Full PDB file with SEQRES, HELIX, SHEET, SSBOND, CRYST1, ORIGX, SCALE, CONECT and MASTER records, all heavy atoms in Angstrom:
SEQRES   1 A   41  GLY VAL GLY SER SER ILE GLY LEU ASP ARG LEU ILE ALA          
SEQRES   2 A   41  GLY LEU GLU SER LEU GLY LYS LEU LYS GLY ARG GLY SER          
SEQRES   3 A   41  TYR ALA ARG ALA ALA VAL ALA CYS ILE ARG GLU GLU ASP          
SEQRES   4 A   41  GLY GLY                                                      
HELIX    1 AA1 LEU A    8  SER A   17  1                                  10    
HELIX    2 AA2 GLU A   37  ASP A   39  5                                   3    
CRYST1    1.000    1.000    1.000  90.00  90.00  90.00 P 1           1          
ORIGX1      1.000000  0.000000  0.000000        0.00000                         
ORIGX2      0.000000  1.000000  0.000000        0.00000                         
ORIGX3      0.000000  0.000000  1.000000        0.00000                         
SCALE1      1.000000  0.000000  0.000000        0.00000                         
SCALE2      0.000000  1.000000  0.000000        0.00000                         
SCALE3      0.000000  0.000000  1.000000        0.00000                         
ATOM      1  N   GLY A   1     -36.796  -0.288  15.248  1.00  0.00           N  
ATOM      2  CA  GLY A   1     -35.440   0.048  15.442  1.00  0.00           C  
ATOM      3  C   GLY A   1     -34.720   0.370  14.076  1.00  0.00           C  
ATOM      4  O   GLY A   1     -35.281   0.281  12.951  1.00  0.00           O  
ATOM      5  N   VAL A   2     -33.523   0.867  14.117  1.00  0.00           N  
ATOM      6  CA  VAL A   2     -32.812   1.324  12.896  1.00  0.00           C  
ATOM      7  C   VAL A   2     -31.339   0.967  13.198  1.00  0.00           C  
ATOM      8  O   VAL A   2     -30.856   1.148  14.312  1.00  0.00           O  
ATOM      9  CB  VAL A   2     -32.989   2.791  12.603  1.00  0.00           C  
ATOM     10  CG1 VAL A   2     -32.575   3.647  13.657  1.00  0.00           C  
ATOM     11  CG2 VAL A   2     -32.253   3.130  11.325  1.00  0.00           C  
ATOM     12  N   GLY A   3     -30.558   0.429  12.240  1.00  0.00           N  
ATOM     13  CA  GLY A   3     -29.236   0.092  12.459  1.00  0.00           C  
ATOM     14  C   GLY A   3     -28.418  -0.194  11.160  1.00  0.00           C  
ATOM     15  O   GLY A   3     -28.989  -0.094  10.062  1.00  0.00           O  
ATOM     16  N   SER A   4     -27.157  -0.395  11.384  1.00  0.00           N  
ATOM     17  CA  SER A   4     -26.318  -0.619  10.260  1.00  0.00           C  
ATOM     18  C   SER A   4     -25.174  -1.542  10.707  1.00  0.00           C  
ATOM     19  O   SER A   4     -24.989  -1.901  11.877  1.00  0.00           O  
ATOM     20  CB  SER A   4     -25.668   0.736   9.863  1.00  0.00           C  
ATOM     21  OG  SER A   4     -25.067   0.566   8.553  1.00  0.00           O  
ATOM     22  N   SER A   5     -24.441  -2.054   9.672  1.00  0.00           N  
ATOM     23  CA  SER A   5     -23.362  -2.990   9.891  1.00  0.00           C  
ATOM     24  C   SER A   5     -22.135  -2.642   8.966  1.00  0.00           C  
ATOM     25  O   SER A   5     -22.358  -2.504   7.749  1.00  0.00           O  
ATOM     26  CB  SER A   5     -23.760  -4.471   9.609  1.00  0.00           C  
ATOM     27  OG  SER A   5     -22.809  -5.356   9.834  1.00  0.00           O  
ATOM     28  N   ILE A   6     -21.069  -2.577   9.525  1.00  0.00           N  
ATOM     29  CA  ILE A   6     -19.710  -2.443   8.790  1.00  0.00           C  
ATOM     30  C   ILE A   6     -19.233  -3.698   8.404  1.00  0.00           C  
ATOM     31  O   ILE A   6     -18.982  -4.513   9.333  1.00  0.00           O  
ATOM     32  CB  ILE A   6     -18.801  -1.525   9.566  1.00  0.00           C  
ATOM     33  CG1 ILE A   6     -19.257  -0.022   9.849  1.00  0.00           C  
ATOM     34  CG2 ILE A   6     -17.535  -1.425   8.825  1.00  0.00           C  
ATOM     35  CD1 ILE A   6     -18.445   0.659  10.730  1.00  0.00           C  
ATOM     36  N   GLY A   7     -19.046  -3.946   7.218  1.00  0.00           N  
ATOM     37  CA  GLY A   7     -18.348  -5.192   6.720  1.00  0.00           C  
ATOM     38  C   GLY A   7     -16.817  -5.047   6.874  1.00  0.00           C  
ATOM     39  O   GLY A   7     -16.198  -4.516   5.960  1.00  0.00           O  
ATOM     40  N   LEU A   8     -16.240  -5.350   8.008  1.00  0.00           N  
ATOM     41  CA  LEU A   8     -14.899  -4.969   8.251  1.00  0.00           C  
ATOM     42  C   LEU A   8     -13.945  -5.645   7.196  1.00  0.00           C  
ATOM     43  O   LEU A   8     -13.073  -4.858   6.853  1.00  0.00           O  
ATOM     44  CB  LEU A   8     -14.499  -5.556   9.665  1.00  0.00           C  
ATOM     45  CG  LEU A   8     -13.122  -5.247  10.168  1.00  0.00           C  
ATOM     46  CD1 LEU A   8     -12.979  -3.764  10.360  1.00  0.00           C  
ATOM     47  CD2 LEU A   8     -12.686  -6.061  11.381  1.00  0.00           C  
ATOM     48  N   ASP A   9     -14.153  -6.804   6.850  1.00  0.00           N  
ATOM     49  CA  ASP A   9     -13.145  -7.447   5.941  1.00  0.00           C  
ATOM     50  C   ASP A   9     -13.214  -6.766   4.455  1.00  0.00           C  
ATOM     51  O   ASP A   9     -12.190  -6.620   3.900  1.00  0.00           O  
ATOM     52  CB  ASP A   9     -13.468  -8.932   5.800  1.00  0.00           C  
ATOM     53  CG  ASP A   9     -13.290  -9.525   7.227  1.00  0.00           C  
ATOM     54  OD1 ASP A   9     -12.226 -10.063   7.566  1.00  0.00           O  
ATOM     55  OD2 ASP A   9     -14.278  -9.741   7.904  1.00  0.00           O  
ATOM     56  N   ARG A  10     -14.424  -6.559   4.081  1.00  0.00           N  
ATOM     57  CA  ARG A  10     -14.454  -5.860   2.803  1.00  0.00           C  
ATOM     58  C   ARG A  10     -13.890  -4.466   2.945  1.00  0.00           C  
ATOM     59  O   ARG A  10     -13.163  -3.897   1.966  1.00  0.00           O  
ATOM     60  CB  ARG A  10     -15.922  -5.795   2.343  1.00  0.00           C  
ATOM     61  CG  ARG A  10     -16.026  -5.023   0.998  1.00  0.00           C  
ATOM     62  CD  ARG A  10     -17.568  -4.914   0.528  1.00  0.00           C  
ATOM     63  NE  ARG A  10     -17.979  -6.349   0.237  1.00  0.00           N  
ATOM     64  CZ  ARG A  10     -19.133  -6.620  -0.460  1.00  0.00           C  
ATOM     65  NH1 ARG A  10     -19.935  -5.610  -0.749  1.00  0.00           N  
ATOM     66  NH2 ARG A  10     -19.477  -7.806  -0.633  1.00  0.00           N  
ATOM     67  N   LEU A  11     -14.226  -3.720   3.993  1.00  0.00           N  
ATOM     68  CA  LEU A  11     -13.609  -2.371   4.290  1.00  0.00           C  
ATOM     69  C   LEU A  11     -12.110  -2.418   4.264  1.00  0.00           C  
ATOM     70  O   LEU A  11     -11.506  -1.644   3.608  1.00  0.00           O  
ATOM     71  CB  LEU A  11     -14.059  -1.822   5.590  1.00  0.00           C  
ATOM     72  CG  LEU A  11     -13.560  -0.451   5.921  1.00  0.00           C  
ATOM     73  CD1 LEU A  11     -13.777   0.643   4.915  1.00  0.00           C  
ATOM     74  CD2 LEU A  11     -14.180   0.010   7.270  1.00  0.00           C  
ATOM     75  N   ILE A  12     -11.571  -3.440   5.022  1.00  0.00           N  
ATOM     76  CA  ILE A  12     -10.048  -3.583   5.002  1.00  0.00           C  
ATOM     77  C   ILE A  12      -9.491  -3.773   3.638  1.00  0.00           C  
ATOM     78  O   ILE A  12      -8.487  -3.295   3.294  1.00  0.00           O  
ATOM     79  CB  ILE A  12      -9.767  -4.710   5.980  1.00  0.00           C  
ATOM     80  CG1 ILE A  12      -9.832  -4.113   7.497  1.00  0.00           C  
ATOM     81  CG2 ILE A  12      -8.184  -5.026   5.823  1.00  0.00           C  
ATOM     82  CD1 ILE A  12      -9.604  -5.169   8.579  1.00  0.00           C  
ATOM     83  N   ALA A  13     -10.107  -4.698   2.859  1.00  0.00           N  
ATOM     84  CA  ALA A  13      -9.651  -5.043   1.550  1.00  0.00           C  
ATOM     85  C   ALA A  13      -9.649  -3.734   0.647  1.00  0.00           C  
ATOM     86  O   ALA A  13      -8.710  -3.493  -0.086  1.00  0.00           O  
ATOM     87  CB  ALA A  13     -10.616  -6.034   0.862  1.00  0.00           C  
ATOM     88  N   GLY A  14     -10.631  -2.867   0.862  1.00  0.00           N  
ATOM     89  CA  GLY A  14     -10.729  -1.668   0.164  1.00  0.00           C  
ATOM     90  C   GLY A  14      -9.556  -0.618   0.553  1.00  0.00           C  
ATOM     91  O   GLY A  14      -8.814  -0.126  -0.262  1.00  0.00           O  
ATOM     92  N   LEU A  15      -9.388  -0.561   1.885  1.00  0.00           N  
ATOM     93  CA  LEU A  15      -8.296   0.388   2.312  1.00  0.00           C  
ATOM     94  C   LEU A  15      -6.973  -0.105   1.988  1.00  0.00           C  
ATOM     95  O   LEU A  15      -6.031   0.708   1.775  1.00  0.00           O  
ATOM     96  CB  LEU A  15      -8.480   0.443   3.963  1.00  0.00           C  
ATOM     97  CG  LEU A  15      -9.756   1.108   4.390  1.00  0.00           C  
ATOM     98  CD1 LEU A  15      -9.739   1.088   5.943  1.00  0.00           C  
ATOM     99  CD2 LEU A  15      -9.975   2.516   3.883  1.00  0.00           C  
ATOM    100  N   GLU A  16      -6.716  -1.378   2.017  1.00  0.00           N  
ATOM    101  CA  GLU A  16      -5.506  -1.922   1.531  1.00  0.00           C  
ATOM    102  C   GLU A  16      -5.284  -1.668   0.039  1.00  0.00           C  
ATOM    103  O   GLU A  16      -4.117  -1.249  -0.367  1.00  0.00           O  
ATOM    104  CB  GLU A  16      -5.476  -3.409   1.723  1.00  0.00           C  
ATOM    105  CG  GLU A  16      -5.252  -3.872   3.294  1.00  0.00           C  
ATOM    106  CD  GLU A  16      -5.282  -5.373   3.488  1.00  0.00           C  
ATOM    107  OE1 GLU A  16      -5.745  -6.063   2.576  1.00  0.00           O  
ATOM    108  OE2 GLU A  16      -4.973  -5.824   4.479  1.00  0.00           O  
ATOM    109  N   SER A  17      -6.290  -1.842  -0.881  1.00  0.00           N  
ATOM    110  CA  SER A  17      -6.090  -1.534  -2.173  1.00  0.00           C  
ATOM    111  C   SER A  17      -5.748  -0.087  -2.423  1.00  0.00           C  
ATOM    112  O   SER A  17      -5.084   0.333  -3.320  1.00  0.00           O  
ATOM    113  CB  SER A  17      -7.382  -1.806  -2.932  1.00  0.00           C  
ATOM    114  OG  SER A  17      -7.682  -3.197  -2.919  1.00  0.00           O  
ATOM    115  N   LEU A  18      -6.279   0.785  -1.563  1.00  0.00           N  
ATOM    116  CA  LEU A  18      -6.037   2.344  -1.721  1.00  0.00           C  
ATOM    117  C   LEU A  18      -4.747   2.762  -0.969  1.00  0.00           C  
ATOM    118  O   LEU A  18      -4.333   3.911  -0.927  1.00  0.00           O  
ATOM    119  CB  LEU A  18      -7.189   3.049  -1.044  1.00  0.00           C  
ATOM    120  CG  LEU A  18      -8.575   2.919  -1.747  1.00  0.00           C  
ATOM    121  CD1 LEU A  18      -9.595   3.551  -0.974  1.00  0.00           C  
ATOM    122  CD2 LEU A  18      -8.505   3.467  -3.114  1.00  0.00           C  
ATOM    123  N   GLY A  19      -4.005   1.737  -0.393  1.00  0.00           N  
ATOM    124  CA  GLY A  19      -2.709   2.053   0.301  1.00  0.00           C  
ATOM    125  C   GLY A  19      -2.907   2.824   1.601  1.00  0.00           C  
ATOM    126  O   GLY A  19      -1.971   3.448   2.085  1.00  0.00           O  
ATOM    127  N   LYS A  20      -4.066   2.708   2.160  1.00  0.00           N  
ATOM    128  CA  LYS A  20      -4.379   3.339   3.553  1.00  0.00           C  
ATOM    129  C   LYS A  20      -4.069   2.447   4.664  1.00  0.00           C  
ATOM    130  O   LYS A  20      -3.940   2.974   5.803  1.00  0.00           O  
ATOM    131  CB  LYS A  20      -5.797   3.717   3.502  1.00  0.00           C  
ATOM    132  CG  LYS A  20      -6.219   4.909   2.466  1.00  0.00           C  
ATOM    133  CD  LYS A  20      -7.636   5.180   2.600  1.00  0.00           C  
ATOM    134  CE  LYS A  20      -8.087   6.175   1.517  1.00  0.00           C  
ATOM    135  NZ  LYS A  20      -7.438   7.538   1.735  1.00  0.00           N  
ATOM    136  N   LEU A  21      -3.665   1.225   4.468  1.00  0.00           N  
ATOM    137  CA  LEU A  21      -3.240   0.309   5.525  1.00  0.00           C  
ATOM    138  C   LEU A  21      -1.945  -0.207   5.042  1.00  0.00           C  
ATOM    139  O   LEU A  21      -1.778  -0.919   4.043  1.00  0.00           O  
ATOM    140  CB  LEU A  21      -4.215  -0.738   5.798  1.00  0.00           C  
ATOM    141  CG  LEU A  21      -5.664  -0.443   6.348  1.00  0.00           C  
ATOM    142  CD1 LEU A  21      -6.461  -1.701   6.499  1.00  0.00           C  
ATOM    143  CD2 LEU A  21      -5.489   0.384   7.657  1.00  0.00           C  
ATOM    144  N   LYS A  22      -0.910  -0.198   5.890  1.00  0.00           N  
ATOM    145  CA  LYS A  22       0.454  -0.555   5.520  1.00  0.00           C  
ATOM    146  C   LYS A  22       0.942  -1.757   6.360  1.00  0.00           C  
ATOM    147  O   LYS A  22       1.850  -2.458   5.956  1.00  0.00           O  
ATOM    148  CB  LYS A  22       1.425   0.618   5.668  1.00  0.00           C  
ATOM    149  CG  LYS A  22       1.014   1.858   4.884  1.00  0.00           C  
ATOM    150  CD  LYS A  22       2.092   2.861   4.895  1.00  0.00           C  
ATOM    151  CE  LYS A  22       1.649   4.145   4.143  1.00  0.00           C  
ATOM    152  NZ  LYS A  22       1.332   3.939   2.703  1.00  0.00           N  
ATOM    153  N   GLY A  23       0.289  -2.094   7.448  1.00  0.00           N  
ATOM    154  CA  GLY A  23       0.697  -3.245   8.176  1.00  0.00           C  
ATOM    155  C   GLY A  23       1.808  -2.843   9.154  1.00  0.00           C  
ATOM    156  O   GLY A  23       2.719  -2.095   8.833  1.00  0.00           O  
ATOM    157  N   ARG A  24       1.670  -3.369  10.335  1.00  0.00           N  
ATOM    158  CA  ARG A  24       2.841  -3.253  11.420  1.00  0.00           C  
ATOM    159  C   ARG A  24       3.081  -4.469  12.009  1.00  0.00           C  
ATOM    160  O   ARG A  24       2.186  -5.308  12.238  1.00  0.00           O  
ATOM    161  CB  ARG A  24       2.214  -2.182  12.448  1.00  0.00           C  
ATOM    162  CG  ARG A  24       2.167  -0.715  11.955  1.00  0.00           C  
ATOM    163  CD  ARG A  24       1.427   0.138  12.988  1.00  0.00           C  
ATOM    164  NE  ARG A  24       1.887   0.045  14.330  1.00  0.00           N  
ATOM    165  CZ  ARG A  24       1.491   0.775  15.289  1.00  0.00           C  
ATOM    166  NH1 ARG A  24       0.640   1.736  15.062  1.00  0.00           N  
ATOM    167  NH2 ARG A  24       2.030   0.667  16.554  1.00  0.00           N  
ATOM    168  N   GLY A  25       4.304  -4.682  12.308  1.00  0.00           N  
ATOM    169  CA  GLY A  25       4.800  -5.906  12.922  1.00  0.00           C  
ATOM    170  C   GLY A  25       4.795  -5.987  14.423  1.00  0.00           C  
ATOM    171  O   GLY A  25       5.027  -7.056  15.034  1.00  0.00           O  
ATOM    172  N   SER A  26       4.484  -4.797  15.169  1.00  0.00           N  
ATOM    173  CA  SER A  26       4.614  -4.778  16.512  1.00  0.00           C  
ATOM    174  C   SER A  26       3.829  -3.549  17.025  1.00  0.00           C  
ATOM    175  O   SER A  26       3.766  -2.533  16.192  1.00  0.00           O  
ATOM    176  CB  SER A  26       6.004  -4.599  16.938  1.00  0.00           C  
ATOM    177  OG  SER A  26       6.113  -4.443  18.400  1.00  0.00           O  
ATOM    178  N   TYR A  27       3.328  -3.559  18.236  1.00  0.00           N  
ATOM    179  CA  TYR A  27       2.694  -2.370  18.829  1.00  0.00           C  
ATOM    180  C   TYR A  27       3.772  -1.628  19.441  1.00  0.00           C  
ATOM    181  O   TYR A  27       3.594  -0.387  19.818  1.00  0.00           O  
ATOM    182  CB  TYR A  27       1.816  -2.900  20.016  1.00  0.00           C  
ATOM    183  CG  TYR A  27       0.477  -3.353  19.519  1.00  0.00           C  
ATOM    184  CD1 TYR A  27       0.105  -4.699  19.559  1.00  0.00           C  
ATOM    185  CD2 TYR A  27      -0.579  -2.509  19.016  1.00  0.00           C  
ATOM    186  CE1 TYR A  27      -1.122  -5.219  19.042  1.00  0.00           C  
ATOM    187  CE2 TYR A  27      -1.782  -2.931  18.580  1.00  0.00           C  
ATOM    188  CZ  TYR A  27      -2.088  -4.305  18.662  1.00  0.00           C  
ATOM    189  OH  TYR A  27      -3.289  -4.736  18.144  1.00  0.00           O  
ATOM    190  N   ALA A  28       4.967  -2.211  19.739  1.00  0.00           N  
ATOM    191  CA  ALA A  28       6.007  -1.497  20.435  1.00  0.00           C  
ATOM    192  C   ALA A  28       6.606  -0.336  19.582  1.00  0.00           C  
ATOM    193  O   ALA A  28       6.765  -0.412  18.361  1.00  0.00           O  
ATOM    194  CB  ALA A  28       7.261  -2.440  20.797  1.00  0.00           C  
ATOM    195  N   ARG A  29       6.928   0.688  20.255  1.00  0.00           N  
ATOM    196  CA  ARG A  29       7.465   1.887  19.553  1.00  0.00           C  
ATOM    197  C   ARG A  29       8.968   2.031  19.937  1.00  0.00           C  
ATOM    198  O   ARG A  29       9.694   2.808  19.250  1.00  0.00           O  
ATOM    199  CB  ARG A  29       6.752   3.210  19.908  1.00  0.00           C  
ATOM    200  CG  ARG A  29       5.281   3.262  19.673  1.00  0.00           C  
ATOM    201  CD  ARG A  29       5.023   3.378  18.198  1.00  0.00           C  
ATOM    202  NE  ARG A  29       5.171   2.089  17.441  1.00  0.00           N  
ATOM    203  CZ  ARG A  29       5.366   1.953  16.082  1.00  0.00           C  
ATOM    204  NH1 ARG A  29       5.488   2.985  15.388  1.00  0.00           N  
ATOM    205  NH2 ARG A  29       5.483   0.676  15.638  1.00  0.00           N  
ATOM    206  N   ALA A  30       9.428   1.245  20.877  1.00  0.00           N  
ATOM    207  CA  ALA A  30      10.863   1.269  21.246  1.00  0.00           C  
ATOM    208  C   ALA A  30      11.166  -0.150  21.703  1.00  0.00           C  
ATOM    209  O   ALA A  30      10.342  -0.966  22.106  1.00  0.00           O  
ATOM    210  CB  ALA A  30      11.125   2.259  22.331  1.00  0.00           C  
ATOM    211  N   ALA A  31      12.473  -0.501  21.502  1.00  0.00           N  
ATOM    212  CA  ALA A  31      12.987  -1.763  21.964  1.00  0.00           C  
ATOM    213  C   ALA A  31      14.179  -1.556  22.735  1.00  0.00           C  
ATOM    214  O   ALA A  31      15.021  -0.757  22.605  1.00  0.00           O  
ATOM    215  CB  ALA A  31      13.273  -2.810  20.814  1.00  0.00           C  
ATOM    216  N   VAL A  32      14.446  -2.490  23.677  1.00  0.00           N  
ATOM    217  CA  VAL A  32      15.746  -2.459  24.507  1.00  0.00           C  
ATOM    218  C   VAL A  32      16.576  -3.586  24.066  1.00  0.00           C  
ATOM    219  O   VAL A  32      16.135  -4.756  24.153  1.00  0.00           O  
ATOM    220  CB  VAL A  32      15.420  -2.542  26.059  1.00  0.00           C  
ATOM    221  CG1 VAL A  32      16.773  -2.422  26.812  1.00  0.00           C  
ATOM    222  CG2 VAL A  32      14.489  -1.429  26.579  1.00  0.00           C  
ATOM    223  N   ALA A  33      17.766  -3.319  23.569  1.00  0.00           N  
ATOM    224  CA  ALA A  33      18.640  -4.304  23.086  1.00  0.00           C  
ATOM    225  C   ALA A  33      19.192  -5.197  24.279  1.00  0.00           C  
ATOM    226  O   ALA A  33      19.335  -4.664  25.464  1.00  0.00           O  
ATOM    227  CB  ALA A  33      19.877  -3.670  22.493  1.00  0.00           C  
ATOM    228  N   CYS A  34      19.678  -6.404  23.970  1.00  0.00           N  
ATOM    229  CA  CYS A  34      20.059  -7.312  24.926  1.00  0.00           C  
ATOM    230  C   CYS A  34      21.494  -7.366  24.672  1.00  0.00           C  
ATOM    231  O   CYS A  34      22.049  -7.977  23.773  1.00  0.00           O  
ATOM    232  CB  CYS A  34      19.471  -8.786  24.766  1.00  0.00           C  
ATOM    233  SG  CYS A  34      20.136  -9.915  25.947  1.00  0.00           S  
ATOM    234  N   ILE A  35      22.384  -6.695  25.601  1.00  0.00           N  
ATOM    235  CA  ILE A  35      23.848  -6.721  25.507  1.00  0.00           C  
ATOM    236  C   ILE A  35      24.370  -7.956  26.299  1.00  0.00           C  
ATOM    237  O   ILE A  35      25.408  -8.590  25.753  1.00  0.00           O  
ATOM    238  CB  ILE A  35      24.398  -5.372  26.091  1.00  0.00           C  
ATOM    239  CG1 ILE A  35      23.789  -4.185  25.371  1.00  0.00           C  
ATOM    240  CG2 ILE A  35      25.879  -5.403  25.890  1.00  0.00           C  
ATOM    241  CD1 ILE A  35      23.996  -4.181  23.843  1.00  0.00           C  
ATOM    242  N   ARG A  36      23.962  -8.213  27.491  1.00  0.00           N  
ATOM    243  CA  ARG A  36      24.339  -9.294  28.195  1.00  0.00           C  
ATOM    244  C   ARG A  36      23.081  -9.904  28.855  1.00  0.00           C  
ATOM    245  O   ARG A  36      22.250  -9.199  29.512  1.00  0.00           O  
ATOM    246  CB  ARG A  36      25.302  -8.913  29.380  1.00  0.00           C  
ATOM    247  CG  ARG A  36      26.709  -8.505  28.813  1.00  0.00           C  
ATOM    248  CD  ARG A  36      27.603  -8.030  29.961  1.00  0.00           C  
ATOM    249  NE  ARG A  36      26.980  -6.766  30.513  1.00  0.00           N  
ATOM    250  CZ  ARG A  36      27.349  -5.605  30.078  1.00  0.00           C  
ATOM    251  NH1 ARG A  36      28.037  -5.413  29.024  1.00  0.00           N  
ATOM    252  NH2 ARG A  36      26.765  -4.481  30.592  1.00  0.00           N  
ATOM    253  N   GLU A  37      22.918 -11.209  28.686  1.00  0.00           N  
ATOM    254  CA  GLU A  37      21.765 -11.898  29.281  1.00  0.00           C  
ATOM    255  C   GLU A  37      21.588 -11.637  30.806  1.00  0.00           C  
ATOM    256  O   GLU A  37      20.411 -11.478  31.311  1.00  0.00           O  
ATOM    257  CB  GLU A  37      21.871 -13.312  28.972  1.00  0.00           C  
ATOM    258  CG  GLU A  37      20.527 -14.074  29.357  1.00  0.00           C  
ATOM    259  CD  GLU A  37      20.548 -15.618  28.981  1.00  0.00           C  
ATOM    260  OE1 GLU A  37      21.525 -15.950  28.233  1.00  0.00           O  
ATOM    261  OE2 GLU A  37      19.612 -16.326  29.308  1.00  0.00           O  
ATOM    262  N   GLU A  38      22.715 -11.617  31.481  1.00  0.00           N  
ATOM    263  CA  GLU A  38      22.596 -11.402  33.034  1.00  0.00           C  
ATOM    264  C   GLU A  38      22.133  -9.918  33.371  1.00  0.00           C  
ATOM    265  O   GLU A  38      21.710  -9.805  34.517  1.00  0.00           O  
ATOM    266  CB  GLU A  38      23.935 -11.704  33.592  1.00  0.00           C  
ATOM    267  CG  GLU A  38      25.043 -10.828  33.082  1.00  0.00           C  
ATOM    268  CD  GLU A  38      25.912 -11.403  32.010  1.00  0.00           C  
ATOM    269  OE1 GLU A  38      25.363 -12.228  31.225  1.00  0.00           O  
ATOM    270  OE2 GLU A  38      27.037 -11.079  31.940  1.00  0.00           O  
ATOM    271  N   ASP A  39      22.001  -9.080  32.402  1.00  0.00           N  
ATOM    272  CA  ASP A  39      21.488  -7.757  32.675  1.00  0.00           C  
ATOM    273  C   ASP A  39      19.999  -7.597  32.274  1.00  0.00           C  
ATOM    274  O   ASP A  39      19.517  -6.498  32.196  1.00  0.00           O  
ATOM    275  CB  ASP A  39      22.330  -6.673  31.900  1.00  0.00           C  
ATOM    276  CG  ASP A  39      23.661  -6.526  32.504  1.00  0.00           C  
ATOM    277  OD1 ASP A  39      23.968  -6.838  33.484  1.00  0.00           O  
ATOM    278  OD2 ASP A  39      24.587  -6.067  31.578  1.00  0.00           O  
ATOM    279  N   GLY A  40      19.435  -8.803  32.202  1.00  0.00           N  
ATOM    280  CA  GLY A  40      17.909  -8.796  31.693  1.00  0.00           C  
ATOM    281  C   GLY A  40      17.107  -8.041  32.716  1.00  0.00           C  
ATOM    282  O   GLY A  40      16.112  -7.319  32.295  1.00  0.00           O  
ATOM    283  N   GLY A  41      17.345  -8.052  34.004  1.00  0.00           N  
ATOM    284  CA  GLY A  41      16.573  -7.387  34.952  1.00  0.00           C  
ATOM    285  C   GLY A  41      16.614  -5.781  34.760  1.00  0.00           C  
ATOM    286  O   GLY A  41      15.665  -5.124  34.862  1.00  0.00           O  
TER     287      GLY A  41                                                      
MASTER        0    0    0    2    0    0    0    6  286    1    0    4          
END                                                                             
């Protein structure tokens, strides 16, 4: 056989050092504001 392994953590450390990963706090691209709790539905 033949194969390879990506060291994810080392790769991420490198990409972060190069500014290629910026971090995101959410997967959401939009949010709906809560004006009145009773309008939650």
